[in-house]
């Protein structure tokens, strides 16, 4: 083989390596990628603009805002599905995305039926509640890929009904409420009118109410679930390594739970961040030993809220420890709508949780995107949960004094273990001392 041919092969091989590197991690660290639109935070594999998202379905648009006090809105690639902000959740790090949709169909005389299709593509689960307003039609749920349809609801209207009255109860009189919880990428409805001949004279029937010539589909609440779907399982994705999504060191892969339709990535225990970008999974550095805000509220009714927990921004040591006092009079302290706090014990690193709905054993943790799992359930009706300050060993934590949680001079570091492995470290006052090992000013004091 000639020297020129060898040189050409080396160049081609080098170009192929570059292409593989670019394709396997398509500009996920692009310096010009926007990470926020209004109140919605975004991270790869989702993104705005060319090179900032992994696959077409993860392409987002930002509408720039409606002026005045209206923040910009974020939409999925279809341009009609709005992505909603959800109390600190970052799109791309959380698998569940809160969304909203509002769509209007204009009816005309002589057309007996209408269709609505909401194509969710790579989003494998739709869960939500929808209001459908309009007069005198049956609503059918169509099954994708099948000819059959399932009757879901009927809207009937008396004469002179108003839109306000119809939407008030949404009980089938001018408005019907649909609940959906399905594994489906394409949500399809069909509307079959009862008597379309009279609709040309809807003004006479209803004093001009638009219920007689429009069908409105509006979400009350809706969530979608996403996976990486270019390969059906982790093993297949690793075999096709050119575009394997879990590119960060210290990351791992999970098969999708439903029907082998994809996979997802996560950071290993002890690491947090974004497994979809190079060096995205980092050691837990989320703990702040210093309260950033002065004069923080430290109670919710008769429940004490000691540091490292807090009720306001800057009052907790990390996002995972931020609580909500929903009703001080009733001592209603919550992590979220499903988890009510009964007590907090910093001496033993315990927190008592009451669940407002049924949870399986593997759902008892407290989860915040970008934060490690630092809670371990111990009980039943009121679940006593051990918690750790950070997902580090004591030796690892001591190496970074600026983020070390055991700030009292009379405190010590202890490990927190669960049946599934090491959780992290916690702090405890030395024998003969009591108080809060996580604070300096009123920390561990002598008992004599």
Protein backbone atom coordinates (compact mmCIF):
# COMPACT_ATOMS: atom_id res chain seq x y z
CA UNK A 1 0.00 0.00 0.00
CA UNK A 2 1.37 3.42 -0.94
CA UNK A 3 2.31 6.09 1.60
CA UNK A 4 -0.49 8.33 0.24
CA UNK A 5 -3.08 5.62 0.81
CA UNK A 6 -1.90 5.08 4.39
CA UNK A 7 -2.03 8.83 5.07
CA UNK A 8 -5.53 9.01 3.62
CA UNK A 9 -6.71 6.12 5.80
CA UNK A 10 -5.28 7.78 8.93
CA UNK A 11 -7.11 11.02 8.07
CA UNK A 12 -10.38 9.17 7.44
CA UNK A 13 -10.01 7.23 10.71
CA UNK A 14 -9.40 10.45 12.59
CA UNK A 15 -12.46 12.09 11.05
CA UNK A 16 -14.57 9.05 11.97
CA UNK A 17 -13.38 9.26 15.57
CA UNK A 18 -14.33 12.93 15.67
CA UNK A 19 -17.74 12.17 14.21
CA UNK A 20 -18.33 9.42 16.77
CA UNK A 21 -17.35 11.75 19.61
CA UNK A 22 -19.63 14.52 18.36
CA UNK A 23 -22.56 12.21 17.74
CA UNK A 24 -22.25 10.38 21.04
CA UNK A 25 -22.48 13.65 22.94
CA UNK A 26 -24.03 16.20 20.57
CA UNK A 27 -22.79 19.52 21.95
CA UNK A 28 -24.31 18.86 25.36
CA UNK A 29 -21.83 21.34 26.79
CA UNK A 30 -22.37 23.88 24.04
CA UNK A 31 -21.47 27.28 25.51
CA UNK A 32 -24.44 29.01 23.87
CA UNK A 33 -27.15 26.59 25.05
CA UNK A 34 -29.86 28.35 27.05
CA UNK A 35 -30.67 26.69 30.38
CA UNK A 36 -33.75 28.71 31.34
CA UNK A 37 -36.94 30.04 29.80
CA UNK A 38 -38.94 32.14 32.21
CA UNK A 39 -39.46 30.03 35.33
CA UNK A 40 -38.50 26.72 33.67
CA UNK A 41 -34.96 25.30 34.09
CA UNK A 42 -33.62 23.10 31.30
CA UNK A 43 -30.70 20.69 31.03
CA UNK A 44 -29.51 18.36 28.29
CA UNK A 45 -30.82 16.02 26.79
CA UNK A 46 -33.53 18.72 26.41
CA UNK A 47 -32.62 22.10 25.01
CA UNK A 48 -33.33 25.14 22.86
CA UNK A 49 -31.80 25.41 19.40
CA UNK A 50 -29.60 23.29 17.17
CA UNK A 51 -27.01 21.19 18.98
CA UNK A 52 -28.56 21.66 22.41
CA UNK A 53 -30.87 18.62 22.49
CA UNK A 54 -30.28 14.91 21.98
CA UNK A 55 -33.20 13.98 19.73
CA UNK A 56 -35.90 15.95 17.88
CA UNK A 57 -38.59 15.22 20.48
CA UNK A 58 -36.44 16.91 23.13
CA UNK A 59 -36.26 20.17 21.21
CA UNK A 60 -37.91 23.04 23.11
CA UNK A 61 -38.97 26.55 22.16
CA UNK A 62 -39.20 29.68 24.30
CA UNK A 63 -41.87 32.18 23.25
CA UNK A 64 -40.15 35.22 24.75
CA UNK A 65 -42.98 36.23 27.07
CA UNK A 66 -46.24 38.09 26.68
CA UNK A 67 -44.99 41.45 27.90
CA UNK A 68 -45.62 43.16 31.22
CA UNK A 69 -45.36 40.72 34.10
CA UNK A 70 -45.95 37.64 31.96
CA UNK A 71 -42.83 35.38 31.96
CA UNK A 72 -41.77 33.58 28.76
CA UNK A 73 -43.36 30.18 28.16
CA UNK A 74 -41.62 26.93 27.25
CA UNK A 75 -43.12 24.56 24.66
CA UNK A 76 -42.29 21.05 23.48
CA UNK A 77 -41.29 20.47 19.88
CA UNK A 78 -44.95 20.39 18.76
CA UNK A 79 -45.34 24.08 19.65
CA UNK A 80 -48.64 23.54 21.52
CA UNK A 81 -47.63 21.61 24.65
CA UNK A 82 -46.52 24.05 27.35
CA UNK A 83 -43.90 22.92 29.86
CA UNK A 84 -44.84 24.18 33.33
CA UNK A 85 -42.47 25.14 36.14
CA UNK A 86 -42.74 22.68 39.04
CA UNK A 87 -41.20 23.78 42.36
CA UNK A 88 -37.53 23.46 41.53
CA UNK A 89 -37.77 20.56 39.05
CA UNK A 90 -35.31 20.82 36.14
CA UNK A 91 -36.48 19.46 32.78
CA UNK A 92 -33.89 16.90 31.72
CA UNK A 93 -33.03 15.84 35.28
CA UNK A 94 -36.59 14.87 36.24
CA UNK A 95 -38.30 12.13 34.21
CA UNK A 96 -41.75 13.59 34.92
CA UNK A 97 -42.62 16.85 33.19
CA UNK A 98 -45.68 18.92 34.11
CA UNK A 99 -47.37 20.15 30.94
CA UNK A 100 -50.50 21.98 29.82
CA UNK A 101 -52.46 22.06 26.60
CA UNK A 102 -55.39 24.12 25.31
CA UNK A 103 -56.87 23.46 21.88
CA UNK A 104 -59.97 24.77 20.11
CA UNK A 105 -61.86 23.06 17.27
CA UNK A 106 -64.26 25.27 15.28
CA UNK A 107 -67.42 23.46 14.20
CA UNK A 108 -69.39 24.17 11.04
CA UNK A 109 -72.83 23.03 9.72
CA UNK A 110 -72.82 19.73 7.86
CA UNK A 111 -69.73 18.20 9.45
CA UNK A 112 -70.84 15.28 11.68
CA UNK A 113 -67.60 14.54 13.56
CA UNK A 114 -64.23 16.02 14.52
CA UNK A 115 -60.90 14.57 15.64
CA UNK A 116 -58.21 15.70 18.05
CA UNK A 117 -54.74 14.17 18.19
CA UNK A 118 -52.00 15.05 20.68
CA UNK A 119 -48.82 13.39 19.46
CA UNK A 120 -46.42 12.94 22.37
CA UNK A 121 -43.85 10.91 20.40
CA UNK A 122 -41.04 9.81 22.78
CA UNK A 123 -43.08 10.56 25.89
CA UNK A 124 -44.23 7.16 27.04
CA UNK A 125 -46.80 7.95 29.73
CA UNK A 126 -49.60 10.50 29.86
CA UNK A 127 -51.36 11.12 33.16
CA UNK A 128 -53.83 13.94 33.60
CA UNK A 129 -57.27 15.50 33.78
CA UNK A 130 -58.89 17.35 30.87
CA UNK A 131 -62.02 19.47 30.44
CA UNK A 132 -63.86 19.25 27.12
CA UNK A 133 -66.43 22.01 26.58
CA UNK A 134 -69.06 22.23 23.85
CA UNK A 135 -72.64 21.26 23.15
CA UNK A 136 -74.36 18.04 22.11
CA UNK A 137 -71.71 15.52 21.09
CA UNK A 138 -70.30 12.19 22.23
CA UNK A 139 -66.62 11.87 23.07
CA UNK A 140 -64.68 8.73 22.12
CA UNK A 141 -61.15 7.71 23.00
CA UNK A 142 -59.49 6.29 19.89
CA UNK A 143 -56.84 3.61 20.25
CA UNK A 144 -53.72 4.34 18.15
CA UNK A 145 -53.20 1.80 15.38
CA UNK A 146 -56.69 0.33 15.83
CA UNK A 147 -60.05 1.00 14.22
CA UNK A 148 -61.98 0.75 17.47
CA UNK A 149 -62.89 3.56 19.83
CA UNK A 150 -64.04 3.70 23.44
CA UNK A 151 -66.97 5.92 24.51
CA UNK A 152 -65.84 8.22 27.30
CA UNK A 153 -68.36 10.99 27.80
CA UNK A 154 -71.39 12.89 26.45
CA UNK A 155 -71.87 16.65 26.42
CA UNK A 156 -75.50 17.78 26.26
CA UNK A 157 -76.76 21.35 26.54
CA UNK A 158 -80.03 23.03 27.48
CA UNK A 159 -80.84 26.19 25.56
CA UNK A 160 -79.26 29.43 26.81
CA UNK A 161 -76.47 27.69 28.74
CA UNK A 162 -73.50 29.93 29.44
CA UNK A 163 -69.84 28.94 29.27
CA UNK A 164 -69.35 30.01 32.89
CA UNK A 165 -72.07 27.64 34.11
CA UNK A 166 -70.78 24.78 31.92
CA UNK A 167 -67.22 25.05 33.24
CA UNK A 168 -68.30 25.45 36.86
CA UNK A 169 -69.29 21.83 37.44
CA UNK A 170 -68.07 20.08 34.27
CA UNK A 171 -70.53 17.25 34.80
CA UNK A 172 -71.67 16.59 31.23
CA UNK A 173 -73.76 19.73 30.82
CA UNK A 174 -71.73 21.67 28.31
CA UNK A 175 -68.50 20.35 29.83
CA UNK A 176 -67.09 16.87 30.39
CA UNK A 177 -64.04 15.92 32.44
CA UNK A 178 -61.75 13.14 31.23
CA UNK A 179 -59.11 11.39 33.31
CA UNK A 180 -56.24 9.76 31.47
CA UNK A 181 -53.48 7.50 32.75
CA UNK A 182 -52.09 5.53 29.85
CA UNK A 183 -48.93 4.31 28.20
CA UNK A 184 -49.47 6.04 24.90
CA UNK A 185 -47.46 8.35 22.65
CA UNK A 186 -50.49 9.58 20.72
CA UNK A 187 -53.63 10.77 22.56
CA UNK A 188 -56.61 10.75 20.18
CA UNK A 189 -60.22 11.83 20.73
CA UNK A 190 -63.19 11.76 18.38
CA UNK A 191 -66.27 13.98 18.76
CA UNK A 192 -69.52 12.79 17.14
CA UNK A 193 -72.23 15.47 16.98
CA UNK A 194 -75.84 14.68 17.88
CA UNK A 195 -77.59 17.03 15.43
CA UNK A 196 -75.29 19.14 13.32
CA UNK A 197 -78.07 20.62 11.16
CA UNK A 198 -79.12 23.11 13.85
CA UNK A 199 -75.66 24.54 14.46
CA UNK A 200 -75.88 27.13 11.76
CA UNK A 201 -78.50 28.85 13.92
CA UNK A 202 -76.62 28.48 17.22
CA UNK A 203 -77.05 32.19 18.01
CA UNK A 204 -80.80 31.71 18.25
CA UNK A 205 -80.33 28.62 20.41
CA UNK A 206 -77.85 29.98 22.91
CA UNK A 207 -77.65 33.76 22.79
CA UNK A 208 -74.36 33.53 20.91
CA UNK A 209 -72.56 31.15 23.30
CA UNK A 210 -69.47 29.67 21.63
CA UNK A 211 -70.31 26.32 23.23
CA UNK A 212 -72.46 25.61 20.17
CA UNK A 213 -69.79 26.14 17.54
CA UNK A 214 -66.49 25.24 19.27
CA UNK A 215 -64.97 22.27 21.07
CA UNK A 216 -62.35 23.24 23.63
CA UNK A 217 -59.90 20.71 25.11
CA UNK A 218 -58.05 22.11 28.14
CA UNK A 219 -55.85 20.32 30.66
CA UNK A 220 -56.53 20.80 34.37
CA UNK A 221 -53.24 19.07 35.09
CA UNK A 222 -51.08 16.70 33.06
CA UNK A 223 -47.74 14.93 33.36
CA UNK A 224 -45.65 13.09 30.80
CA UNK A 225 -42.83 10.60 31.30
CA UNK A 226 -39.83 10.40 28.98
CA UNK A 227 -37.09 7.91 28.17
CA UNK A 228 -34.26 7.68 25.66
CA UNK A 229 -36.00 5.64 22.99
CA UNK A 230 -33.46 5.17 20.17
CA UNK A 231 -32.68 1.72 21.64
CA UNK A 232 -35.07 -0.55 23.55
CA UNK A 233 -32.77 -1.49 26.48
CA UNK A 234 -29.52 -0.58 28.17
CA UNK A 235 -27.71 -3.60 26.77
CA UNK A 236 -28.75 -2.76 23.21
CA UNK A 237 -27.74 0.86 23.73
CA UNK A 238 -24.29 -0.18 24.97
CA UNK A 239 -23.88 -2.49 21.96
CA UNK A 240 -24.62 0.52 19.73
CA UNK A 241 -22.11 2.55 21.69
CA UNK A 242 -21.85 5.31 19.07
CA UNK A 243 -24.87 7.06 20.61
CA UNK A 244 -25.06 5.68 24.16
CA UNK A 245 -26.71 8.35 26.31
CA UNK A 246 -25.06 7.70 29.72
CA UNK A 247 -21.83 9.48 28.83
CA UNK A 248 -20.78 10.81 32.24
CA UNK A 249 -18.26 8.97 34.36
CA UNK A 250 -19.93 7.57 37.49
CA UNK A 251 -23.24 7.10 35.69
CA UNK A 252 -25.33 3.99 35.10
CA UNK A 253 -28.25 2.86 32.96
CA UNK A 254 -31.82 1.73 33.78
CA UNK A 255 -34.16 -0.08 31.41
CA UNK A 256 -37.54 1.63 30.97
CA UNK A 257 -40.12 0.04 33.25
CA UNK A 258 -42.78 -0.27 30.55
CA UNK A 259 -42.70 -2.61 27.54
CA UNK A 260 -38.95 -2.34 26.81
CA UNK A 261 -39.36 0.93 24.96
CA UNK A 262 -36.21 2.71 26.05
CA UNK A 263 -33.78 3.45 28.84
CA UNK A 264 -32.64 6.25 31.14
CA UNK A 265 -29.47 7.27 32.94
CA UNK A 266 -28.63 8.13 36.53
CA UNK A 267 -25.61 9.14 38.59
CA UNK A 268 -24.01 6.50 40.81
CA UNK A 269 -24.47 6.57 44.57
CA UNK A 270 -22.39 9.39 46.01
CA UNK A 271 -22.69 11.46 42.84
CA UNK A 272 -25.26 13.97 41.68
CA UNK A 273 -25.79 15.99 38.52
CA UNK A 274 -26.48 15.23 34.87
CA UNK A 275 -25.52 11.73 33.62
CA UNK A 276 -26.21 12.77 30.00
CA UNK A 277 -23.20 15.10 29.72
CA UNK A 278 -19.48 14.43 30.03
CA UNK A 279 -18.34 14.88 33.66
CA UNK A 280 -21.96 15.65 34.58
CA UNK A 281 -22.03 13.36 37.65
CA UNK A 282 -20.06 14.96 40.48
CA UNK A 283 -19.51 14.28 44.14
CA UNK A 284 -22.22 15.63 46.41
CA UNK A 285 -21.38 19.28 47.09
CA UNK A 286 -24.93 20.42 47.79
CA UNK A 287 -24.65 20.98 51.57
CA UNK A 288 -24.19 24.51 52.92
CA UNK A 289 -23.15 24.62 56.62
CA UNK A 290 -24.00 28.32 56.85
CA UNK A 291 -27.51 29.74 56.87
CA UNK A 292 -27.52 32.26 54.02
CA UNK A 293 -30.53 34.29 55.18
CA UNK A 294 -30.90 36.13 58.49
CA UNK A 295 -33.95 35.86 60.76
CA UNK A 296 -35.29 32.60 59.35
CA UNK A 297 -38.59 31.24 60.67
CA UNK A 298 -37.86 28.19 62.80
CA UNK A 299 -41.30 26.77 63.52
CA UNK A 300 -44.54 25.80 61.83
CA UNK A 301 -47.21 25.91 64.51
CA UNK A 302 -45.94 23.64 67.29
CA UNK A 303 -43.35 21.85 65.10
CA UNK A 304 -39.77 23.09 65.41
CA UNK A 305 -37.82 23.45 62.15
CA UNK A 306 -34.13 23.43 63.16
CA UNK A 307 -31.22 23.88 60.77
CA UNK A 308 -30.26 22.17 58.42
CA UNK A 309 -33.99 22.24 57.54
CA UNK A 310 -35.69 25.50 56.64
CA UNK A 311 -38.89 27.11 55.36
CA UNK A 312 -37.52 29.83 53.08
CA UNK A 313 -34.86 30.19 50.41
CA UNK A 314 -31.49 30.53 52.12
CA UNK A 315 -32.74 28.99 55.37
CA UNK A 316 -31.99 25.31 54.68
CA UNK A 317 -28.64 23.62 54.12
CA UNK A 318 -29.72 22.13 50.79
CA UNK A 319 -32.74 21.97 48.47
CA UNK A 320 -33.70 18.55 49.82
CA UNK A 321 -34.21 20.02 53.32
CA UNK A 322 -36.50 22.88 52.31
CA UNK A 323 -39.99 22.45 53.81
CA UNK A 324 -43.33 24.20 53.36
CA UNK A 325 -45.46 25.50 56.23
CA UNK A 326 -48.87 25.22 54.56
CA UNK A 327 -50.87 26.07 57.69
CA UNK A 328 -49.14 27.32 60.84
CA UNK A 329 -52.37 27.24 62.89
CA UNK A 330 -52.80 23.54 62.14
CA UNK A 331 -49.02 22.83 62.26
CA UNK A 332 -49.23 21.63 58.65
CA UNK A 333 -45.55 21.18 57.71
CA UNK A 334 -44.84 19.37 54.44
CA UNK A 335 -42.12 18.21 52.09
CA UNK A 336 -44.77 18.10 49.34
CA UNK A 337 -48.48 17.34 48.92
CA UNK A 338 -47.93 13.63 49.69
CA UNK A 339 -45.59 13.92 52.69
CA UNK A 340 -46.52 15.71 55.93
CA UNK A 341 -43.81 16.25 58.58
CA UNK A 342 -44.74 15.13 62.11
CA UNK A 343 -41.43 15.94 63.85
CA UNK A 344 -37.73 16.65 63.25
CA UNK A 345 -35.07 15.26 65.60
CA UNK A 346 -31.58 16.58 64.78
CA UNK A 347 -29.94 14.73 67.69
CA UNK A 348 -30.64 11.36 66.02
CA UNK A 349 -31.08 12.65 62.46
CA UNK A 350 -34.69 11.52 62.34
CA UNK A 351 -37.75 13.02 60.67
CA UNK A 352 -41.30 11.72 61.05
CA UNK A 353 -43.41 11.57 57.87
CA UNK A 354 -47.13 10.92 57.42
CA UNK A 355 -48.14 9.98 53.89
CA UNK A 356 -51.39 11.44 52.54
CA UNK A 357 -51.71 8.58 50.02
CA UNK A 358 -50.59 4.96 49.86
CA UNK A 359 -46.93 4.39 49.04
CA UNK A 360 -45.05 1.18 48.39
CA UNK A 361 -41.84 0.52 50.34
CA UNK A 362 -39.66 1.56 47.41
CA UNK A 363 -41.46 4.93 47.18
CA UNK A 364 -40.83 6.12 50.74
CA UNK A 365 -37.83 8.32 49.94
CA UNK A 366 -37.77 12.08 49.49
CA UNK A 367 -36.64 13.02 46.00
CA UNK A 368 -35.54 16.34 44.55
CA UNK A 369 -33.94 16.42 41.06
CA UNK A 370 -30.23 17.09 41.26
CA UNK A 371 -30.10 16.02 44.91
CA UNK A 372 -28.96 12.61 46.26
CA UNK A 373 -31.30 10.21 48.05
CA UNK A 374 -30.52 10.93 51.71
CA UNK A 375 -33.60 9.52 53.49
CA UNK A 376 -34.14 5.97 54.73
CA UNK A 377 -37.58 4.82 55.98
CA UNK A 378 -37.84 2.97 59.30
CA UNK A 379 -41.54 2.81 60.25
CA UNK A 380 -45.10 2.33 59.04
CA UNK A 381 -48.08 4.70 59.54
CA UNK A 382 -45.84 7.55 60.70
CA UNK A 383 -42.58 6.71 58.97
CA UNK A 384 -39.49 7.63 60.99
CA UNK A 385 -36.78 8.32 58.46
CA UNK A 386 -33.08 8.59 59.09
CA UNK A 387 -31.46 11.31 57.02
CA UNK A 388 -27.90 12.15 56.07
CA UNK A 389 -26.39 15.58 55.51
CA UNK A 390 -24.59 14.59 52.31
CA UNK A 391 -23.86 11.47 50.30
CA UNK A 392 -20.21 11.30 51.42
CA UNK A 393 -18.18 9.28 53.90
CA UNK A 394 -16.91 11.09 56.99
CA UNK A 395 -13.37 11.05 55.58
CA UNK A 396 -14.57 12.54 52.29
CA UNK A 397 -16.64 15.20 54.05
CA UNK A 398 -13.72 16.28 56.28
CA UNK A 399 -11.60 17.00 53.21
CA UNK A 400 -13.84 19.97 52.36
CA UNK A 401 -14.27 21.98 55.57
CA UNK A 402 -16.25 24.69 53.75
CA UNK A 403 -19.12 22.22 53.25
CA UNK A 404 -18.68 20.03 56.32
CA UNK A 405 -21.96 19.73 58.22
CA UNK A 406 -20.74 18.94 61.76
CA UNK A 407 -19.85 22.53 62.66
CA UNK A 408 -20.35 22.35 66.44
CA UNK A 409 -17.00 21.98 68.24
CA UNK A 410 -18.48 19.19 70.35
CA UNK A 411 -19.90 17.08 67.53
CA UNK A 412 -18.81 14.00 65.65
CA UNK A 413 -19.48 12.42 62.25
CA UNK A 414 -21.34 9.11 61.83
CA UNK A 415 -22.24 7.05 58.78
CA UNK A 416 -25.86 6.30 57.80
CA UNK A 417 -26.45 2.87 56.28
CA UNK A 418 -29.55 1.25 54.80
CA UNK A 419 -30.30 -2.29 53.66
CA UNK A 420 -29.43 -1.15 50.14
CA UNK A 421 -26.07 0.33 51.07
CA UNK A 422 -24.42 3.47 52.38
CA UNK A 423 -26.59 6.62 52.46
CA UNK A 424 -24.18 9.30 53.66
CA UNK A 425 -22.97 10.91 56.88
CA UNK A 426 -24.77 12.61 59.76
CA UNK A 427 -23.69 14.60 62.80
CA UNK A 428 -24.19 13.88 66.49
CA UNK A 429 -23.20 15.66 69.71
CA UNK A 430 -20.42 14.01 71.69
CA UNK A 431 -21.33 12.04 74.79
CA UNK A 432 -22.10 14.47 77.61
CA UNK A 433 -23.31 17.15 75.19
CA UNK A 434 -26.70 17.87 73.65
CA UNK A 435 -28.18 20.29 71.13
CA UNK A 436 -27.86 20.82 67.41
CA UNK A 437 -24.55 19.59 65.95
CA UNK A 438 -25.37 21.35 62.66
CA UNK A 439 -25.15 24.88 64.12
CA UNK A 440 -22.34 26.83 65.78
CA UNK A 441 -24.14 29.44 67.88
CA UNK A 442 -26.53 27.07 69.67
CA UNK A 443 -24.83 23.78 68.91
CA UNK A 444 -23.75 21.00 71.23
CA UNK A 445 -23.59 22.15 74.87
CA UNK A 446 -22.61 20.35 78.04
CA UNK A 447 -25.37 18.60 79.96
CA UNK A 448 -23.89 19.38 83.41
